[in-house]
C-alpha atoms as a PDB file:
ATOM      1  CA  MET A   1       0.002  -0.003  -0.001  1.00  0.00           C
ATOM      2  CA  THR A   2       1.189   3.518  -0.764  1.00  0.00           C
ATOM      3  CA  VAL A   3       0.287   6.610   1.267  1.00  0.00           C
ATOM      4  CA  CYS A   4       0.052  10.124  -0.150  1.00  0.00           C
ATOM      5  CA  ALA A   5       2.385  12.481   1.734  1.00  0.00           C
ATOM      6  CA  ARG A   6       0.086  15.437   1.025  1.00  0.00           C
ATOM      7  CA  CYS A   7      -3.394  14.240   2.040  1.00  0.00           C
ATOM      8  CA  GLY A   8      -2.628  11.002   3.907  1.00  0.00           C
ATOM      9  CA  ALA A   9      -4.825   8.816   1.683  1.00  0.00           C
ATOM     10  CA  GLY A  10      -3.780   5.226   1.012  1.00  0.00           C
ATOM     11  CA  SER A  11      -3.935   3.182  -2.192  1.00  0.00           C
ATOM     12  CA  THR A  12      -3.849  -0.616  -2.270  1.00  0.00           C
ATOM     13  CA  LEU A  13      -1.234  -2.304  -4.437  1.00  0.00           C
ATOM     14  CA  PRO A  14      -0.974  -3.912  -6.858  1.00  0.00           C
ATOM     15  CA  VAL A  15      -3.335  -1.901  -9.011  1.00  0.00           C
ATOM     16  CA  LEU A  16      -5.993  -4.241 -10.427  1.00  0.00           C
ATOM     17  CA  ALA A  17      -8.051  -3.890 -13.587  1.00  0.00           C
ATOM     18  CA  ASP A  18     -11.803  -3.514 -13.067  1.00  0.00           C
ATOM     19  CA  GLY A  19     -12.355  -7.022 -14.397  1.00  0.00           C
ATOM     20  CA  GLU A  20     -10.118  -8.456 -11.695  1.00  0.00           C
ATOM     21  CA  LEU A  21     -11.973  -6.953  -8.744  1.00  0.00           C
ATOM     22  CA  GLY A  22     -14.775  -9.535  -8.764  1.00  0.00           C
ATOM     23  CA  ALA A  23     -12.366 -12.269  -7.706  1.00  0.00           C
ATOM     24  CA  LEU A  24     -11.876 -10.468  -4.372  1.00  0.00           C
ATOM     25  CA  TYR A  25     -15.454 -11.242  -3.274  1.00  0.00           C
ATOM     26  CA  PRO A  26     -16.123 -14.886  -2.348  1.00  0.00           C
ATOM     27  CA  GLY A  27     -19.602 -16.378  -2.382  1.00  0.00           C
ATOM     28  CA  GLY A  28     -20.073 -15.839   1.355  1.00  0.00           C
ATOM     29  CA  TYR A  29     -19.108 -12.164   1.312  1.00  0.00           C
ATOM     30  CA  GLY A  30     -21.194 -10.500   4.011  1.00  0.00           C
ATOM     31  CA  PRO A  31     -23.246  -7.876   2.121  1.00  0.00           C
ATOM     32  CA  HIS A  32     -24.019 -10.410  -0.637  1.00  0.00           C
ATOM     33  CA  ASP A  33     -24.943 -13.581   1.241  1.00  0.00           C
ATOM     34  CA  SER A  34     -28.575 -14.649   1.484  1.00  0.00           C
ATOM     35  CA  THR A  35     -30.693 -15.568   4.468  1.00  0.00           C
ATOM     36  CA  PRO A  36     -30.056 -19.039   6.022  1.00  0.00           C
ATOM     37  CA  MET A  37     -32.545 -21.690   4.905  1.00  0.00           C
ATOM     38  CA  ILE A  38     -33.238 -23.135   8.384  1.00  0.00           C
ATOM     39  CA  LEU A  39     -36.247 -21.268   9.787  1.00  0.00           C
ATOM     40  CA  PRO A  40     -34.907 -20.298  13.256  1.00  0.00           C
ATOM     41  CA  LEU A  41     -31.654 -19.015  11.745  1.00  0.00           C
ATOM     42  CA  ARG A  42     -33.593 -17.212   9.034  1.00  0.00           C
ATOM     43  CA  LEU A  43     -35.687 -15.365  11.620  1.00  0.00           C
ATOM     44  CA  ILE A  44     -32.639 -14.430  13.706  1.00  0.00           C
ATOM     45  CA  SER A  45     -30.770 -13.224  10.620  1.00  0.00           C
ATOM     46  CA  ARG A  46     -33.683 -11.096   9.422  1.00  0.00           C
ATOM     47  CA  ALA A  47     -34.152  -9.556  12.870  1.00  0.00           C
ATOM     48  CA  ILE A  48     -30.469  -8.592  13.116  1.00  0.00           C
ATOM     49  CA  ARG A  49     -30.397  -7.149   9.613  1.00  0.00           C
ATOM     50  CA  ALA A  50     -33.559  -5.138  10.255  1.00  0.00           C
ATOM     51  CA  ARG A  51     -32.072  -3.770  13.473  1.00  0.00           C
ATOM     52  CA  GLN A  52     -28.881  -2.749  11.642  1.00  0.00           C
ATOM     53  CA  ALA A  53     -30.929  -0.990   8.958  1.00  0.00           C
ATOM     54  CA  ARG A  54     -32.946   0.912  11.572  1.00  0.00           C
ATOM     55  CA  ALA A  55     -29.709   2.002  13.219  1.00  0.00           C
ATOM     56  CA  ALA A  56     -28.455   3.304   9.855  1.00  0.00           C
ATOM     57  CA  TRP A  57     -31.549   5.524   9.582  1.00  0.00           C
ATOM     58  CA  ARG A  58     -30.613   7.286  12.828  1.00  0.00           C
ATOM     59  CA  GLU A  59     -26.935   7.753  12.021  1.00  0.00           C
ATOM     60  CA  GLU A  60     -24.777   9.852   9.706  1.00  0.00           C
ATOM     61  CA  PRO A  61     -25.004  10.441   6.829  1.00  0.00           C
ATOM     62  CA  VAL A  62     -28.421   8.827   6.204  1.00  0.00           C
ATOM     63  CA  ALA A  63     -29.881  11.074   8.923  1.00  0.00           C
ATOM     64  CA  GLU A  64     -29.582  13.864   6.337  1.00  0.00           C
ATOM     65  CA  LEU A  65     -32.718  12.414   4.712  1.00  0.00           C
ATOM     66  CA  HIS A  66     -34.859  13.152   7.771  1.00  0.00           C
ATOM     67  CA  ALA A  67     -35.246  16.777   6.665  1.00  0.00           C
ATOM     68  CA  MET A  68     -36.105  15.833   3.071  1.00  0.00           C
ATOM     69  CA  ALA A  69     -39.434  14.839   1.591  1.00  0.00           C
ATOM     70  CA  PRO A  70     -39.147  11.251   0.262  1.00  0.00           C
ATOM     71  CA  GLY A  71     -38.165  10.954  -3.377  1.00  0.00           C
ATOM     72  CA  ARG A  72     -36.007   8.737  -5.563  1.00  0.00           C
ATOM     73  CA  GLY A  73     -32.833   7.243  -4.157  1.00  0.00           C
ATOM     74  CA  LEU A  74     -29.912   5.340  -5.651  1.00  0.00           C
ATOM     75  CA  ASP A  75     -27.780   2.974  -3.554  1.00  0.00           C
ATOM     76  CA  VAL A  76     -24.381   2.347  -5.174  1.00  0.00           C
ATOM     77  CA  GLY A  77     -23.207  -1.098  -4.115  1.00  0.00           C
ATOM     78  CA  CYS A  78     -26.589  -2.043  -2.676  1.00  0.00           C
ATOM     79  CA  GLY A  79     -25.733  -5.687  -1.921  1.00  0.00           C
ATOM     80  CA  ARG A  80     -28.871  -7.598  -1.019  1.00  0.00           C
ATOM     81  CA  GLY A  81     -30.747  -4.334  -0.364  1.00  0.00           C
ATOM     82  CA  ASP A  82     -31.153  -4.173   3.424  1.00  0.00           C
ATOM     83  CA  LEU A  83     -30.696  -0.381   3.543  1.00  0.00           C
ATOM     84  CA  ASP A  84     -33.015   0.146   0.590  1.00  0.00           C
ATOM     85  CA  VAL A  85     -35.835  -1.884   2.107  1.00  0.00           C
ATOM     86  CA  MET A  86     -35.602   0.286   5.215  1.00  0.00           C
ATOM     87  CA  LEU A  87     -35.661   3.493   3.143  1.00  0.00           C
ATOM     88  CA  MET A  88     -38.658   2.262   1.142  1.00  0.00           C
ATOM     89  CA  GLY A  89     -40.430   1.878   4.475  1.00  0.00           C
ATOM     90  CA  HIS A  90     -39.886   5.636   4.924  1.00  0.00           C
ATOM     91  CA  GLY A  91     -41.428   6.420   1.541  1.00  0.00           C
ATOM     92  CA  TRP A  92     -38.353   6.426  -0.701  1.00  0.00           C
ATOM     93  CA  ARG A  93     -38.387   4.793  -4.142  1.00  0.00           C
ATOM     94  CA  MET A  94     -35.091   2.981  -4.334  1.00  0.00           C
ATOM     95  CA  SER A  95     -32.839   1.891  -7.165  1.00  0.00           C
ATOM     96  CA  GLY A  96     -29.587   0.064  -6.615  1.00  0.00           C
ATOM     97  CA  ILE A  97     -26.395  -0.753  -8.512  1.00  0.00           C
ATOM     98  CA  GLU A  98     -24.668  -4.009  -7.597  1.00  0.00           C
ATOM     99  CA  PRO A  99     -21.959  -5.945  -9.480  1.00  0.00           C
ATOM    100  CA  SER A 100     -22.817  -9.307  -7.872  1.00  0.00           C
ATOM    101  CA  PRO A 101     -25.552 -11.002  -9.993  1.00  0.00           C
ATOM    102  CA  GLU A 102     -26.715 -13.095  -7.016  1.00  0.00           C
ATOM    103  CA  ALA A 103     -27.006 -10.140  -4.647  1.00  0.00           C
ATOM    104  CA  CYS A 104     -28.635  -8.053  -7.389  1.00  0.00           C
ATOM    105  CA  ALA A 105     -31.286 -10.737  -7.985  1.00  0.00           C
ATOM    106  CA  LEU A 106     -31.989 -10.902  -4.248  1.00  0.00           C
ATOM    107  CA  ALA A 107     -32.367  -7.120  -4.054  1.00  0.00           C
ATOM    108  CA  ALA A 108     -34.737  -7.149  -7.047  1.00  0.00           C
ATOM    109  CA  SER A 109     -36.873  -9.814  -5.372  1.00  0.00           C
ATOM    110  CA  ARG A 110     -37.363  -7.375  -2.464  1.00  0.00           C
ATOM    111  CA  GLY A 111     -38.885  -4.684  -4.707  1.00  0.00           C
ATOM    112  CA  ILE A 112     -35.729  -2.676  -5.426  1.00  0.00           C
ATOM    113  CA  ASP A 113     -34.996  -1.413  -8.935  1.00  0.00           C
ATOM    114  CA  ALA A 114     -31.703  -3.345  -8.876  1.00  0.00           C
ATOM    115  CA  ARG A 115     -29.338  -2.865 -11.822  1.00  0.00           C
ATOM    116  CA  CYS A 116     -26.473  -5.329 -12.228  1.00  0.00           C
ATOM    117  CA  GLY A 117     -23.113  -3.732 -12.934  1.00  0.00           C
ATOM    118  CA  THR A 118     -21.062  -0.720 -11.839  1.00  0.00           C
ATOM    119  CA  LEU A 119     -21.260   2.998 -12.435  1.00  0.00           C
ATOM    120  CA  LYS A 120     -19.068   2.459 -15.504  1.00  0.00           C
ATOM    121  CA  THR A 121     -21.523   0.011 -17.062  1.00  0.00           C
ATOM    122  CA  VAL A 122     -24.975   1.117 -15.842  1.00  0.00           C
ATOM    123  CA  GLU A 123     -26.533   4.158 -17.497  1.00  0.00           C
ATOM    124  CA  LEU A 124     -28.203   6.590 -15.112  1.00  0.00           C
ATOM    125  CA  GLU A 125     -31.039   8.955 -15.907  1.00  0.00           C
ATOM    126  CA  PRO A 126     -30.130  12.668 -15.690  1.00  0.00           C
ATOM    127  CA  ASP A 127     -31.593  14.806 -12.866  1.00  0.00           C
ATOM    128  CA  ALA A 128     -33.338  11.740 -11.494  1.00  0.00           C
ATOM    129  CA  PHE A 129     -32.238  11.051  -7.919  1.00  0.00           C
ATOM    130  CA  ASP A 130     -32.800  13.040  -4.739  1.00  0.00           C
ATOM    131  CA  ALA A 131     -30.310  10.937  -2.775  1.00  0.00           C
ATOM    132  CA  ILE A 132     -27.344   8.901  -4.038  1.00  0.00           C
ATOM    133  CA  ILE A 133     -25.755   6.726  -1.377  1.00  0.00           C
ATOM    134  CA  PHE A 134     -22.235   5.283  -1.215  1.00  0.00           C
ATOM    135  CA  ARG A 135     -22.437   3.336   2.049  1.00  0.00           C
ATOM    136  CA  HIS A 136     -19.031   1.696   2.354  1.00  0.00           C
ATOM    137  CA  SER A 137     -18.761   1.213  -1.398  1.00  0.00           C
ATOM    138  CA  LEU A 138     -16.616   4.141  -2.576  1.00  0.00           C
ATOM    139  CA  GLU A 139     -13.485   2.614  -1.004  1.00  0.00           C
ATOM    140  CA  HIS A 140     -13.974  -0.522  -3.144  1.00  0.00           C
ATOM    141  CA  THR A 141     -13.637   1.220  -6.506  1.00  0.00           C
ATOM    142  CA  ASN A 142     -10.545   1.874  -8.599  1.00  0.00           C
ATOM    143  CA  ASP A 143     -11.751   5.355  -9.534  1.00  0.00           C
ATOM    144  CA  PRO A 144     -13.651   7.055  -6.694  1.00  0.00           C
ATOM    145  CA  VAL A 145     -13.438  10.530  -8.259  1.00  0.00           C
ATOM    146  CA  GLY A 146     -14.716   9.144 -11.547  1.00  0.00           C
ATOM    147  CA  ASP A 147     -17.638   7.429  -9.823  1.00  0.00           C
ATOM    148  CA  LEU A 148     -18.607  10.623  -7.992  1.00  0.00           C
ATOM    149  CA  ARG A 149     -18.364  12.497 -11.289  1.00  0.00           C
ATOM    150  CA  ARG A 150     -20.641   9.904 -12.958  1.00  0.00           C
ATOM    151  CA  VAL A 151     -23.459  10.427 -10.438  1.00  0.00           C
ATOM    152  CA  ARG A 152     -23.252  14.232 -10.369  1.00  0.00           C
ATOM    153  CA  GLY A 153     -25.498  14.711 -13.396  1.00  0.00           C
ATOM    154  CA  SER A 154     -28.067  12.284 -11.994  1.00  0.00           C
ATOM    155  CA  LEU A 155     -28.785  14.447  -8.941  1.00  0.00           C
ATOM    156  CA  THR A 156     -31.891  16.595  -8.831  1.00  0.00           C
ATOM    157  CA  PRO A 157     -31.300  20.252  -7.863  1.00  0.00           C
ATOM    158  CA  ARG A 158     -32.170  19.394  -4.230  1.00  0.00           C
ATOM    159  CA  GLY A 159     -30.250  16.119  -4.360  1.00  0.00           C
ATOM    160  CA  ARG A 160     -27.603  14.942  -1.930  1.00  0.00           C
ATOM    161  CA  VAL A 161     -24.749  12.462  -2.196  1.00  0.00           C
ATOM    162  CA  LEU A 162     -24.267  10.549   1.055  1.00  0.00           C
ATOM    163  CA  ILE A 163     -20.904   8.858   1.568  1.00  0.00           C
ATOM    164  CA  SER A 164     -19.571   6.577   4.314  1.00  0.00           C
ATOM    165  CA  VAL A 165     -16.020   5.186   4.267  1.00  0.00           C
ATOM    166  CA  PRO A 166     -13.487   4.005   6.873  1.00  0.00           C
ATOM    167  CA  ASN A 167     -11.537   6.896   8.372  1.00  0.00           C
ATOM    168  CA  PHE A 168      -7.916   6.114   7.468  1.00  0.00           C
ATOM    169  CA  GLY A 169      -6.847   9.295   9.250  1.00  0.00           C
ATOM    170  CA  CYS A 170      -8.180   8.325  12.678  1.00  0.00           C
ATOM    171  CA  ARG A 171      -6.082   7.464  15.727  1.00  0.00           C
ATOM    172  CA  GLN A 172      -7.402   3.897  15.723  1.00  0.00           C
ATOM    173  CA  ALA A 173      -5.983   3.325  12.224  1.00  0.00           C
ATOM    174  CA  ARG A 174      -2.580   4.662  13.291  1.00  0.00           C
ATOM    175  CA  LEU A 175      -2.580   2.619  16.494  1.00  0.00           C
ATOM    176  CA  PHE A 176      -3.329  -0.727  14.844  1.00  0.00           C
ATOM    177  CA  SER A 177      -1.553   0.035  11.553  1.00  0.00           C
ATOM    178  CA  GLY A 178      -1.589  -3.117   9.369  1.00  0.00           C
ATOM    179  CA  HIS A 179      -3.900  -4.854  11.870  1.00  0.00           C
ATOM    180  CA  TRP A 180      -6.639  -2.222  11.572  1.00  0.00           C
ATOM    181  CA  TYR A 181      -9.971  -3.946  10.965  1.00  0.00           C
ATOM    182  CA  HIS A 182     -11.182  -1.448   8.341  1.00  0.00           C
ATOM    183  CA  LEU A 183      -8.236  -1.932   5.992  1.00  0.00           C
ATOM    184  CA  ASP A 184      -9.989  -5.029   4.565  1.00  0.00           C
ATOM    185  CA  LEU A 185      -7.171  -5.686   2.122  1.00  0.00           C
ATOM    186  CA  PRO A 186      -7.232  -6.246  -0.807  1.00  0.00           C
ATOM    187  CA  ARG A 187     -10.915  -5.339  -1.294  1.00  0.00           C
ATOM    188  CA  HIS A 188     -10.541  -1.732  -0.165  1.00  0.00           C
ATOM    189  CA  ARG A 189      -8.684  -0.017  -2.981  1.00  0.00           C
ATOM    190  CA  THR A 190      -8.671   3.562  -1.597  1.00  0.00           C
ATOM    191  CA  HIS A 191      -8.244   4.545   2.062  1.00  0.00           C
ATOM    192  CA  PHE A 192      -9.696   7.981   2.769  1.00  0.00           C
ATOM    193  CA  THR A 193      -8.772  10.692   5.211  1.00  0.00           C
ATOM    194  CA  SER A 194     -11.059  13.685   5.704  1.00  0.00           C
ATOM    195  CA  ASP A 195      -8.772  15.778   3.493  1.00  0.00           C
ATOM    196  CA  SER A 196      -8.668  13.237   0.674  1.00  0.00           C
ATOM    197  CA  LEU A 197     -12.437  12.620   0.734  1.00  0.00           C
ATOM    198  CA  HIS A 198     -13.085  16.362   0.605  1.00  0.00           C
ATOM    199  CA  GLN A 199     -10.658  16.652  -2.305  1.00  0.00           C
ATOM    200  CA  ALA A 200     -12.288  13.733  -4.170  1.00  0.00           C
ATOM    201  CA  ILE A 201     -15.702  15.374  -3.809  1.00  0.00           C
ATOM    202  CA  THR A 202     -14.352  18.719  -5.061  1.00  0.00           C
ATOM    203  CA  ASP A 203     -12.451  17.112  -7.965  1.00  0.00           C
ATOM    204  CA  ALA A 204     -15.704  15.429  -9.048  1.00  0.00           C
ATOM    205  CA  GLY A 205     -17.401  18.814  -9.400  1.00  0.00           C
ATOM    206  CA  LEU A 206     -19.497  18.482  -6.262  1.00  0.00           C
ATOM    207  CA  GLU A 207     -19.726  20.725  -3.206  1.00  0.00           C
ATOM    208  CA  CYS A 208     -19.004  19.208   0.216  1.00  0.00           C
ATOM    209  CA  VAL A 209     -21.742  20.235   2.646  1.00  0.00           C
ATOM    210  CA  ARG A 210     -20.508  18.405   5.740  1.00  0.00           C
ATOM    211  CA  LEU A 211     -17.850  15.985   6.944  1.00  0.00           C
ATOM    212  CA  THR A 212     -18.342  14.038  10.181  1.00  0.00           C
ATOM    213  CA  THR A 213     -16.993  10.951  11.928  1.00  0.00           C
ATOM    214  CA  THR A 214     -18.684   8.277  14.020  1.00  0.00           C
ATOM    215  CA  THR A 215     -17.610   5.172  15.923  1.00  0.00           C
ATOM    216  CA  SER A 216     -18.321   1.788  14.310  1.00  0.00           C
ATOM    217  CA  THR A 217     -19.427  -1.312  16.159  1.00  0.00           C
ATOM    218  CA  LEU A 218     -16.725  -3.648  14.853  1.00  0.00           C
ATOM    219  CA  GLY A 219     -13.708  -1.368  14.442  1.00  0.00           C
ATOM    220  CA  LEU A 220     -12.112  -1.731  17.896  1.00  0.00           C
ATOM    221  CA  PRO A 221     -12.948  -5.396  18.687  1.00  0.00           C
ATOM    222  CA  GLY A 222     -12.095  -6.426  15.121  1.00  0.00           C
ATOM    223  CA  SER A 223      -8.730  -4.641  15.268  1.00  0.00           C
ATOM    224  CA  ILE A 224      -7.888  -6.274  18.595  1.00  0.00           C
ATOM    225  CA  GLN A 225      -8.606  -9.705  17.091  1.00  0.00           C
ATOM    226  CA  TYR A 226      -6.374  -8.988  14.094  1.00  0.00           C
ATOM    227  CA  ARG A 227      -3.579  -7.805  16.405  1.00  0.00           C
ATOM    228  CA  LEU A 228      -3.811 -10.863  18.708  1.00  0.00           C
ATOM    229  CA  LEU A 229      -4.912 -13.634  16.329  1.00  0.00           C
ATOM    230  CA  GLY A 230      -4.128 -12.334  12.858  1.00  0.00           C
ATOM    231  CA  ARG A 231      -7.788 -12.729  11.884  1.00  0.00           C
ATOM    232  CA  CYS A 232     -11.358 -12.216  13.115  1.00  0.00           C
ATOM    233  CA  VAL A 233     -12.868 -15.182  14.952  1.00  0.00           C
ATOM    234  CA  VAL A 234     -15.943 -14.946  12.708  1.00  0.00           C
ATOM    235  CA  SER A 235     -15.783 -13.479   9.222  1.00  0.00           C
ATOM    236  CA  GLY A 236     -19.204 -13.697   7.618  1.00  0.00           C
ATOM    237  CA  GLY A 237     -22.809 -14.853   7.552  1.00  0.00           C
ATOM    238  CA  LEU A 238     -25.111 -15.098  10.539  1.00  0.00           C
ATOM    239  CA  ALA A 239     -22.203 -15.602  12.938  1.00  0.00           C
ATOM    240  CA  LEU A 240     -20.795 -12.202  11.999  1.00  0.00           C
ATOM    241  CA  ARG A 241     -24.203 -10.538  12.471  1.00  0.00           C
ATOM    242  CA  VAL A 242     -24.470 -12.027  15.962  1.00  0.00           C
ATOM    243  CA  ALA A 243     -20.883 -11.008  16.727  1.00  0.00           C
ATOM    244  CA  SER A 244     -21.679  -7.470  15.549  1.00  0.00           C
ATOM    245  CA  GLY A 245     -24.504  -7.302  18.051  1.00  0.00           C
ATOM    246  CA  LEU A 246     -22.258  -8.465  20.892  1.00  0.00           C
ATOM    247  CA  ALA A 247     -19.472  -6.120  19.796  1.00  0.00           C
ATOM    248  CA  GLY A 248     -21.927  -3.285  20.327  1.00  0.00           C
ATOM    249  CA  LEU A 249     -21.223  -3.684  24.050  1.00  0.00           C
ATOM    250  CA  THR A 250     -17.741  -2.251  23.454  1.00  0.00           C
ATOM    251  CA  ARG A 251     -18.995   0.693  21.438  1.00  0.00           C
ATOM    252  CA  PRO A 252     -19.330   3.169  24.370  1.00  0.00           C
ATOM    253  CA  LEU A 253     -15.680   2.556  25.259  1.00  0.00           C
ATOM    254  CA  ALA A 254     -14.583   2.878  21.609  1.00  0.00           C
ATOM    255  CA  ARG A 255     -16.638   6.082  21.261  1.00  0.00           C
ATOM    256  CA  LEU A 256     -14.991   7.555  24.355  1.00  0.00           C
ATOM    257  CA  LEU A 257     -11.497   6.677  23.102  1.00  0.00           C
ATOM    258  CA  ASN A 258     -12.265   8.110  19.669  1.00  0.00           C
ATOM    259  CA  ARG A 259     -13.593  11.326  21.199  1.00  0.00           C
ATOM    260  CA  VAL A 260     -10.400  11.751  23.211  1.00  0.00           C
ATOM    261  CA  ALA A 261      -8.295  10.933  20.110  1.00  0.00           C
ATOM    262  CA  GLY A 262     -10.150  13.464  17.978  1.00  0.00           C
ATOM    263  CA  GLY A 263     -12.303  11.440  15.588  1.00  0.00           C
ATOM    264  CA  GLY A 264     -14.159   8.195  14.950  1.00  0.00           C
ATOM    265  CA  ASP A 265     -13.149   5.297  12.722  1.00  0.00           C
ATOM    266  CA  GLU A 266     -15.918   5.944  10.182  1.00  0.00           C
ATOM    267  CA  LEU A 267     -15.930   9.031   7.957  1.00  0.00           C
ATOM    268  CA  HIS A 268     -19.105  10.492   6.453  1.00  0.00           C
ATOM    269  CA  ALA A 269     -19.727  13.193   3.891  1.00  0.00           C
ATOM    270  CA  VAL A 270     -22.794  14.964   2.532  1.00  0.00           C
ATOM    271  CA  ALA A 271     -22.316  16.574  -0.896  1.00  0.00           C
ATOM    272  CA  ARG A 272     -24.449  18.301  -3.502  1.00  0.00           C
ATOM    273  CA  ARG A 273     -24.177  19.866  -6.905  1.00  0.00           C
ATOM    274  CA  PRO A 274     -22.800  23.421  -6.685  1.00  0.00           C
ATOM    275  CA  ILE A 275     -25.549  25.956  -6.136  1.00  0.00           C
ATOM    276  CA  ALA A 276     -24.974  27.700  -9.490  1.00  0.00           C
ATOM    277  CA  SER A 277     -25.112  24.361 -11.311  1.00  0.00           C
ATOM    278  CA  SER A 278     -28.352  23.357  -9.572  1.00  0.00           C
ATOM    279  CA  MET A 279     -29.995  26.709 -10.352  1.00  0.00           C
ATOM    280  CA  SER A 280     -29.007  26.458 -14.027  1.00  0.00           C
ATOM    281  CA  SER A 281     -30.438  22.928 -14.205  1.00  0.00           C
ATOM    282  CA  ALA A 282     -33.698  23.994 -12.608  1.00  0.00           C
ATOM    283  CA  THR A 283     -34.032  26.962 -15.008  1.00  0.00           C
ATOM    284  CA  ALA A 284     -33.385  24.732 -18.017  1.00  0.00           C
ATOM    285  CA  SER A 285     -35.967  22.232 -16.795  1.00  0.00           C
ATOM    286  CA  ALA A 286     -38.571  24.964 -16.397  1.00  0.00           C
ATOM    287  CA  GLY A 287     -38.096  26.121 -20.011  1.00  0.00           C
ATOM    288  CA  PRO A 288     -39.362  29.438 -21.414  1.00  0.00           C
ATOM    289  CA  GLY A 289     -42.147  31.129 -19.477  1.00  0.00           C
END
């Protein structure tokens, strides 16, 4: 991995072609795997996933939507669609982009307008979406600035881009170094600091409205496991969902440590089209009076 001396961002090496990225995601990859077939496990899994989605509604950056009337949303890297199902329950009409055919089919079966592919291969309607969400997906792409640039024209004038990524600039990342849970090598291709995420947003022609950090559930306990054992005790499926719930018991301590250290291990951004651009788009849509 290389680290930029100017902004502190990291890039995973070796550089892989887009066609090679799919091999990094095994069949049991967490956001893609389906519900267990055995009924008791299925019920437990659904309850945990629903609880996680409800928590996402209360937290940054999705909380930005509380002040907006429901409209059309796009979830980039939607997986099986847990977040989108929750947002549809709040009145949003959700589309999703997902490169995994299996996860995309599962999302479609749940009523999501799921489109199989990536932002390079899926055509988006212009001025169509009031919210475009990158929830821990932007760090997986080879070209984060390009992906942000691709969605810019699909925002409505009131639209917002909501981004969540691991905070590579936090104290926790420095403390655990190569054992930091959120590195997730080699799947995470770009490792963002607040400066580098702000710069990526600006380079894409968007305006950064707000940058914040929060404390994740798994960051601290996961990092401790990597430091002591070289791996997480559980790595996917229902076991990981249960472990995530139990790890929540350590979250108050992790939040306190992050507050003292100056920032959480998750980084969030809210962005929009520049005001002048949005006004020009709205005027063009209105046409001659």
